[in-house]
């Protein structure tokens, strides 16, 4: 075979593939050498820059802003995709975990609350059965009759025998089953009794302390106590030594207060009030021992009595036995 110039060309059968491979290898070698040259040039350049920086007398050199390749391999996303960032994913996962934890907490709390409630119910039921089972024998131990009654107090208007009779009529049960309120009500029903105190003394004694009323003055068929209350009694013979006050029942506290003020004023002169009357017109009349009556009128009662005391000290004390009545109106 000849070519276009007429020279002879040897046929090369099967050598086309070898030539192609050799061409590719040559191109790779050239590319490798080129990259080596570029790297060597960059290294040289960096060395030159470093030497310049080290040799530079100025310490204020600021390196240029060079692009820095990301180290963690993450790629910055464009605007509009912030919600799809890994941070948003972590937030969703955290919320899901929190929701699961809260749900688990409420389930566990509800279960524990049910257990506590059920346990409390069982405990109460067991306690009730225990009390019912124990109450029978315990009640038999404490069921004993009252063997003695102790009555205490100052007995001036009600006798101790009368108080004992009232107590005996109400004792109809055992020591613990006795109704103390009923007994107290029965004792207070007596007009001479003002206050009652009841106590149980183990093992079989009842202590009763009675406080009597304190009469200050007679009033009708009864008397006035220290609070100005009218107390009616069946027998008022024990009150004969008290002064006698008269007037409207609505004015009883006022009449008692007036009596106490007048008595305090006259007692210093040895004069004793034995009666005080206030009629419907609010006119006062006073009776002093030896039956000397003093008409006071309606107004300025205490002022009139002070003037009377002054006159008594200067003129009336010497002739007091001859005086029968005085009018201060």
Foldseek 3Di string as FASTA:
>chain_A
DADPVGHDDDDDPPCPVVVVVVVVVVVVVVVVVVVVVVVVVVVVVVVVVVVCVVPDPDPPDDDDDDDDDDDVPDDDDDPPCPCVDVVVVVVVVVVVVVVVVVVVVVVVVVVVVVVVVVVVVVVVVVVVVVCVVPVVVVVVVQFAAADEEAEAEDDDPHDPVNLVVLQVVQRDGHQVPRDVVVSQVSVVVALQWDDWDWDRDPDHYIYIYTYTFAFQADEDQAGQGPQLDTTHDPDCPSRVVHAHEDDDSVCSNVRVVVQVVLQVVCVVVVKHWRYWYQYPVRWIWTAIPVGEIETQGRPDSVVLVVVVVVCCVPPVVVVVNVHRYYYSD
